[in-house]
Amino acid sequence: MYTTGQNEVSMDDKLLNYASHLIIKEYESLKDEKPNGVFFNKIMSLLNKNIDSFKLSHYWYRYGDQVCRQKMPTNLEWTNVELNETKVDWKYDTLEFFKELEGHPIEEEIKSLVRKYNDNFEDLIDDVYSYAPYDFQRRFLELRKLFYGANNAYNWDMESYKELSKPILEDTYDSFPIHDFKEIEQEYELVRTFMEAKLDSEDWKFKILEKISTNFWFLFCYHLRMNPKARENIPPDILHHWEESLSMDADRHRKSIADTIIKSIERDSSLLEYESINEFYKWRKEDKKETEKIIDEFVDNYTAHSTA
């Protein structure tokens, strides 16, 4: 991104380079390791919020506000160290124009933020989510904590835990901004109906609610990043790519939602009494048959050509 002569680099890009480098180096000085992607993204988000002269390409997505990597300095290196963890590093020596930025107010802001949050990831995430564009995002963050907590609640009475959790689940779905996301209204109503049906039954499990909630959340986030309220300074070519892939991405999670419902119906056929669930169930069953038919035809054609 910044391979041209240094005189051609704008002040916006210089600050972006400088901030990226300082976040990593300041974190290393405190922790003796590279920051992970969550930490880096969240500090970048706070900088963008707190420093008027700082310009960032970013958008709200699955795990909060995140930078648009295609618009970040090429000196940044993103390395996947585990399935859900990325480490961020600065690959090369500092750039010459860093000298002219020494003493810039962004220095003290970065030092303050990194020192404040390097041992307080949960507070960092909460503080960034405090200005998320939709309350549903904040509510869903609490819902994720609820599901994670269930995995560690072995010393609780699970029935009591479920009872305490019920209003959190209901409030989360009550807060969904349907007026801004009419394109997934049908899926929202479906998941909401399924959720209410399970919560009203005596036998409901966190795993099934977690799975369907996560699939709906991912579906929502593909649409969220397209919303002008949830992005800033995203280039037209990237928006175009998101738009082109939206149908395929959304369809994948829509089918995952349906598959979760099908498995639930196998154990509890009374769910088919709900019209929205019944319709979605029939749609996915037919869709599966069509997919299987296409696969069978492909295998038959391939076998015929191979033996010819």
Protein backbone atom coordinates (compact mmCIF):
# COMPACT_ATOMS: atom_id res chain seq x y z
CA MET A 1 0.00 0.00 0.00
CA TYR A 2 2.82 2.42 0.81
CA THR A 3 5.53 1.51 -1.68
CA THR A 4 5.81 4.91 -3.32
CA GLY A 5 8.28 7.59 -2.30
CA GLN A 6 7.83 8.94 1.19
CA ASN A 7 6.93 12.42 -0.10
CA GLU A 8 3.82 10.96 -1.72
CA VAL A 9 2.47 9.50 1.53
CA SER A 10 -0.41 11.55 2.93
CA MET A 11 -0.49 12.67 6.56
CA ASP A 12 -3.46 10.33 7.13
CA ASP A 13 -1.37 7.38 6.02
CA LYS A 14 1.67 8.52 7.97
CA LEU A 15 -0.39 8.64 11.16
CA LEU A 16 -1.85 5.23 10.40
CA ASN A 17 1.64 3.77 10.01
CA TYR A 18 2.89 5.52 13.11
CA ALA A 19 -0.06 4.43 15.24
CA SER A 20 0.19 0.80 14.08
CA HIS A 21 3.88 0.66 14.91
CA LEU A 22 3.47 2.34 18.31
CA ILE A 23 0.61 0.07 19.45
CA ILE A 24 2.69 -3.01 18.75
CA LYS A 25 5.89 -1.67 20.31
CA GLU A 26 4.15 -0.29 23.39
CA TYR A 27 2.38 -3.60 23.97
CA GLU A 28 5.64 -5.51 23.50
CA SER A 29 7.36 -3.30 26.06
CA LEU A 30 4.73 -4.26 28.65
CA LYS A 31 4.00 -7.90 27.81
CA ASP A 32 7.10 -9.09 25.94
CA GLU A 33 4.93 -10.49 23.15
CA LYS A 34 2.97 -9.33 20.12
CA PRO A 35 -0.59 -8.06 20.61
CA ASN A 36 -3.38 -10.22 19.28
CA GLY A 37 -5.77 -9.06 16.60
CA VAL A 38 -8.63 -8.34 19.01
CA PHE A 39 -6.47 -6.02 21.10
CA PHE A 40 -5.00 -4.26 18.06
CA ASN A 41 -8.40 -3.72 16.46
CA LYS A 42 -9.99 -2.39 19.63
CA ILE A 43 -7.16 0.07 20.36
CA MET A 44 -7.38 1.27 16.75
CA SER A 45 -11.12 1.78 17.22
CA LEU A 46 -10.60 3.87 20.37
CA LEU A 47 -7.93 5.95 18.62
CA ASN A 48 -10.31 6.63 15.77
CA LYS A 49 -12.94 7.72 18.29
CA ASN A 50 -10.63 9.85 20.46
CA ILE A 51 -8.26 11.51 17.95
CA ASP A 52 -9.96 13.87 15.50
CA SER A 53 -7.03 13.91 13.05
CA PHE A 54 -6.88 10.11 12.84
CA LYS A 55 -8.56 8.55 9.80
CA LEU A 56 -9.28 4.82 9.82
CA SER A 57 -10.99 2.46 7.38
CA HIS A 58 -13.04 0.21 9.65
CA TYR A 59 -16.35 -1.57 10.07
CA TRP A 60 -18.40 -3.40 12.68
CA TYR A 61 -18.44 -7.14 12.18
CA ARG A 62 -18.60 -10.39 14.15
CA TYR A 63 -16.32 -9.53 17.06
CA GLY A 64 -16.65 -5.77 17.15
CA ASP A 65 -15.12 -2.83 15.35
CA GLN A 66 -12.29 -3.97 13.10
CA VAL A 67 -9.88 -2.36 10.68
CA CYS A 68 -10.12 -2.90 6.95
CA ARG A 69 -6.89 -4.82 6.43
CA GLN A 70 -6.65 -3.90 2.75
CA LYS A 71 -6.26 -0.26 3.81
CA MET A 72 -3.72 -0.89 6.56
CA PRO A 73 0.08 -0.47 6.20
CA THR A 74 1.89 -3.24 4.32
CA ASN A 75 4.44 -3.27 7.15
CA LEU A 76 1.83 -4.97 9.32
CA GLU A 77 2.01 -8.75 9.52
CA TRP A 78 -1.03 -10.77 10.61
CA THR A 79 -0.23 -14.32 11.73
CA ASN A 80 -2.78 -16.95 12.73
CA VAL A 81 -1.36 -18.69 15.81
CA GLU A 82 -4.53 -20.58 16.72
CA LEU A 83 -7.92 -21.18 15.14
CA ASN A 84 -9.42 -18.00 16.59
CA GLU A 85 -6.34 -15.94 17.42
CA THR A 86 -4.16 -13.70 15.27
CA LYS A 87 -0.95 -11.97 16.30
CA VAL A 88 -0.03 -8.60 14.81
CA ASP A 89 3.56 -7.54 14.16
CA TRP A 90 5.50 -4.74 12.46
CA LYS A 91 7.76 -6.40 9.91
CA TYR A 92 10.45 -3.85 9.11
CA ASP A 93 12.39 -0.94 10.54
CA THR A 94 10.57 2.28 11.29
CA LEU A 95 9.91 4.62 8.38
CA GLU A 96 11.79 7.88 7.90
CA PHE A 97 8.73 10.09 8.39
CA PHE A 98 8.23 8.70 11.91
CA LYS A 99 10.74 11.33 13.08
CA GLU A 100 8.52 14.20 11.99
CA LEU A 101 5.64 12.71 13.99
CA GLU A 102 7.52 12.39 17.27
CA GLY A 103 5.65 14.33 19.93
CA HIS A 104 2.31 14.05 18.13
CA PRO A 105 -0.65 13.78 20.60
CA ILE A 106 -1.35 10.29 19.28
CA GLU A 107 1.78 9.04 21.10
CA GLU A 108 0.44 9.73 24.57
CA GLU A 109 -3.01 8.49 23.64
CA ILE A 110 -1.58 5.15 22.48
CA LYS A 111 0.58 4.78 25.57
CA SER A 112 -2.40 5.57 27.79
CA LEU A 113 -4.72 3.13 26.03
CA VAL A 114 -2.24 0.25 25.87
CA ARG A 115 -1.31 0.65 29.53
CA LYS A 116 -4.95 0.88 30.55
CA TYR A 117 -6.13 -2.21 28.69
CA ASN A 118 -3.15 -4.58 28.30
CA ASP A 119 -4.41 -6.65 31.24
CA ASN A 120 -8.08 -5.77 30.85
CA PHE A 121 -9.29 -7.27 27.58
CA GLU A 122 -12.86 -7.62 28.78
CA ASP A 123 -13.04 -3.93 29.75
CA LEU A 124 -11.51 -3.01 26.39
CA ILE A 125 -14.16 -4.97 24.50
CA ASP A 126 -16.97 -3.54 26.65
CA ASP A 127 -15.74 0.04 26.17
CA VAL A 128 -15.55 -0.32 22.39
CA TYR A 129 -18.99 -1.94 22.25
CA SER A 130 -20.37 0.96 24.28
CA TYR A 131 -20.49 3.02 21.07
CA ALA A 132 -21.56 0.26 18.69
CA PRO A 133 -24.24 1.58 16.30
CA TYR A 134 -26.94 -0.79 17.58
CA ASP A 135 -28.02 -1.83 21.05
CA PHE A 136 -28.54 -5.34 19.68
CA GLN A 137 -24.75 -5.64 19.32
CA ARG A 138 -24.22 -4.82 22.99
CA ARG A 139 -27.00 -7.17 24.05
CA PHE A 140 -25.55 -9.96 21.93
CA LEU A 141 -22.15 -9.45 23.52
CA GLU A 142 -23.78 -10.15 26.89
CA LEU A 143 -25.50 -13.14 25.37
CA ARG A 144 -22.16 -14.57 24.24
CA LYS A 145 -20.87 -14.16 27.79
CA LEU A 146 -23.96 -16.00 28.99
CA PHE A 147 -23.27 -18.95 26.72
CA TYR A 148 -19.59 -19.04 27.65
CA GLY A 149 -20.60 -18.91 31.30
CA ALA A 150 -22.80 -21.96 30.88
CA ASN A 151 -19.71 -23.99 30.04
CA ASN A 152 -18.27 -23.11 33.46
CA ALA A 153 -21.46 -23.41 35.47
CA TYR A 154 -20.90 -26.99 36.64
CA ASN A 155 -21.16 -25.90 40.26
CA TRP A 156 -24.47 -24.13 39.62
CA ASP A 157 -27.90 -25.60 39.69
CA MET A 158 -28.46 -25.61 35.91
CA GLU A 159 -32.21 -25.11 36.15
CA SER A 160 -31.68 -21.95 38.19
CA TYR A 161 -29.01 -20.79 35.74
CA LYS A 162 -31.42 -21.30 32.84
CA GLU A 163 -34.17 -19.41 34.63
CA LEU A 164 -31.87 -16.45 35.32
CA SER A 165 -30.74 -16.51 31.69
CA LYS A 166 -34.19 -16.47 30.13
CA PRO A 167 -34.78 -12.68 30.36
CA ILE A 168 -31.33 -12.00 28.85
CA LEU A 169 -32.19 -14.13 25.83
CA GLU A 170 -35.57 -12.44 25.46
CA ASP A 171 -34.19 -8.91 25.86
CA THR A 172 -31.48 -9.58 23.29
CA TYR A 173 -33.95 -10.51 20.57
CA ASP A 174 -36.34 -7.74 21.61
CA SER A 175 -33.59 -5.24 20.78
CA PHE A 176 -33.04 -6.38 17.19
CA PRO A 177 -33.22 -3.31 14.85
CA ILE A 178 -35.64 -4.81 12.36
CA HIS A 179 -36.36 -1.38 10.82
CA ASP A 180 -32.77 -1.20 9.52
CA PHE A 181 -32.50 -4.85 8.48
CA LYS A 182 -35.76 -5.65 6.72
CA GLU A 183 -33.88 -7.95 4.34
CA ILE A 184 -33.46 -10.53 7.12
CA GLU A 185 -36.82 -9.95 8.79
CA GLN A 186 -38.01 -13.45 7.88
CA GLU A 187 -34.96 -15.09 9.46
CA TYR A 188 -35.26 -12.90 12.54
CA GLU A 189 -38.92 -13.84 13.02
CA LEU A 190 -38.04 -17.50 12.54
CA VAL A 191 -35.23 -17.48 15.12
CA ARG A 192 -37.32 -15.41 17.50
CA THR A 193 -40.21 -17.87 17.25
CA PHE A 194 -37.87 -20.83 17.73
CA MET A 195 -36.25 -19.15 20.72
CA GLU A 196 -39.57 -18.39 22.38
CA ALA A 197 -40.82 -21.93 21.74
CA LYS A 198 -37.74 -23.46 23.36
CA LEU A 199 -37.80 -21.07 26.31
CA ASP A 200 -41.44 -21.96 26.97
CA SER A 201 -40.66 -25.67 27.03
CA GLU A 202 -39.29 -27.48 30.06
CA ASP A 203 -36.49 -29.14 28.11
CA TRP A 204 -34.22 -26.58 26.47
CA LYS A 205 -30.47 -26.64 26.25
CA PHE A 206 -27.90 -23.90 25.93
CA LYS A 207 -26.08 -25.61 23.08
CA ILE A 208 -29.03 -25.50 20.72
CA LEU A 209 -29.79 -21.86 21.55
CA GLU A 210 -26.14 -20.94 21.26
CA LYS A 211 -25.85 -22.58 17.85
CA ILE A 212 -28.90 -20.98 16.30
CA SER A 213 -28.08 -17.61 17.88
CA THR A 214 -24.52 -17.71 16.53
CA ASN A 215 -25.71 -18.55 13.03
CA PHE A 216 -28.21 -15.71 13.13
CA TRP A 217 -25.51 -13.36 14.46
CA PHE A 218 -23.17 -14.24 11.57
CA LEU A 219 -26.02 -13.73 9.11
CA PHE A 220 -26.74 -10.35 10.68
CA CYS A 221 -23.08 -9.29 10.57
CA TYR A 222 -22.81 -9.81 6.81
CA HIS A 223 -25.61 -7.28 6.46
CA LEU A 224 -24.33 -5.09 9.28
CA ARG A 225 -21.05 -4.22 7.55
CA MET A 226 -23.02 -3.04 4.51
CA ASN A 227 -24.94 -0.55 6.65
CA PRO A 228 -23.56 3.03 6.51
CA LYS A 229 -23.97 3.31 10.29
CA ALA A 230 -21.53 0.44 10.79
CA ARG A 231 -18.63 1.39 8.52
CA GLU A 232 -16.37 4.31 7.69
CA ASN A 233 -13.91 5.02 4.85
CA ILE A 234 -14.43 1.63 3.19
CA PRO A 235 -13.32 1.81 -0.49
CA PRO A 236 -15.98 1.24 -3.19
CA ASP A 237 -14.22 -1.85 -4.57
CA ILE A 238 -14.35 -3.58 -1.18
CA LEU A 239 -18.02 -2.65 -0.72
CA HIS A 240 -18.71 -4.06 -4.17
CA HIS A 241 -17.00 -7.33 -3.25
CA TRP A 242 -19.04 -7.57 -0.03
CA GLU A 243 -22.21 -6.91 -1.95
CA GLU A 244 -21.41 -9.54 -4.58
CA SER A 245 -20.68 -12.22 -1.96
CA LEU A 246 -23.56 -11.28 0.36
CA SER A 247 -26.09 -13.66 -1.18
CA MET A 248 -23.79 -16.69 -0.95
CA ASP A 249 -22.58 -15.82 2.58
CA ALA A 250 -26.11 -15.20 3.84
CA ASP A 251 -27.45 -18.38 2.23
CA ARG A 252 -24.83 -20.48 4.03
CA HIS A 253 -25.92 -19.26 7.46
CA ARG A 254 -29.60 -19.36 6.52
CA LYS A 255 -29.20 -23.07 5.76
CA SER A 256 -27.29 -23.60 9.02
CA ILE A 257 -30.20 -22.06 10.91
CA ALA A 258 -32.60 -24.37 9.09
CA ASP A 259 -30.45 -27.44 9.78
CA THR A 260 -30.43 -26.64 13.50
CA ILE A 261 -34.21 -26.39 13.42
CA ILE A 262 -34.52 -29.71 11.53
CA LYS A 263 -32.48 -31.47 14.21
CA SER A 264 -34.68 -29.95 16.91
CA ILE A 265 -37.84 -31.07 15.11
CA GLU A 266 -36.50 -34.63 15.03
CA ARG A 267 -36.64 -34.53 18.84
CA ASP A 268 -39.71 -32.32 19.19
CA SER A 269 -42.20 -32.44 16.32
CA SER A 270 -44.50 -29.95 18.10
CA LEU A 271 -42.29 -27.19 16.71
CA LEU A 272 -43.99 -27.76 13.36
CA GLU A 273 -47.14 -26.21 14.83
CA TYR A 274 -45.50 -22.82 14.36
CA GLU A 275 -46.17 -21.62 10.80
CA SER A 276 -42.82 -19.88 10.26
CA ILE A 277 -40.89 -22.90 11.51
CA ASN A 278 -42.97 -25.28 9.40
CA GLU A 279 -42.41 -23.24 6.23
CA PHE A 280 -38.69 -22.99 6.79
CA TYR A 281 -38.52 -26.69 7.57
CA LYS A 282 -40.24 -27.58 4.29
CA TRP A 283 -38.02 -25.20 2.31
CA ARG A 284 -34.80 -26.71 3.68
CA LYS A 285 -36.01 -30.27 3.18
CA GLU A 286 -36.74 -29.54 -0.49
CA ASP A 287 -33.47 -27.69 -0.85
CA LYS A 288 -31.58 -30.68 0.53
CA LYS A 289 -33.34 -33.00 -1.93
CA GLU A 290 -32.40 -30.71 -4.81
CA THR A 291 -28.79 -30.57 -3.66
CA GLU A 292 -28.62 -34.35 -3.35
CA LYS A 293 -30.08 -34.69 -6.84
CA ILE A 294 -27.44 -32.38 -8.30
CA ILE A 295 -24.67 -34.31 -6.52
CA ASP A 296 -26.02 -37.65 -7.76
CA GLU A 297 -26.19 -36.36 -11.34
CA PHE A 298 -22.64 -35.04 -11.10
CA VAL A 299 -21.36 -38.39 -9.78
CA ASP A 300 -23.21 -40.30 -12.51
CA ASN A 301 -21.80 -38.05 -15.25
CA TYR A 302 -18.30 -38.27 -13.82
CA THR A 303 -18.51 -42.07 -13.60
CA ALA A 304 -19.81 -42.32 -17.15
CA HIS A 305 -16.94 -40.22 -18.54
CA SER A 306 -14.37 -42.12 -16.49
CA THR A 307 -15.46 -45.51 -17.80
CA ALA A 308 -15.97 -44.42 -21.40
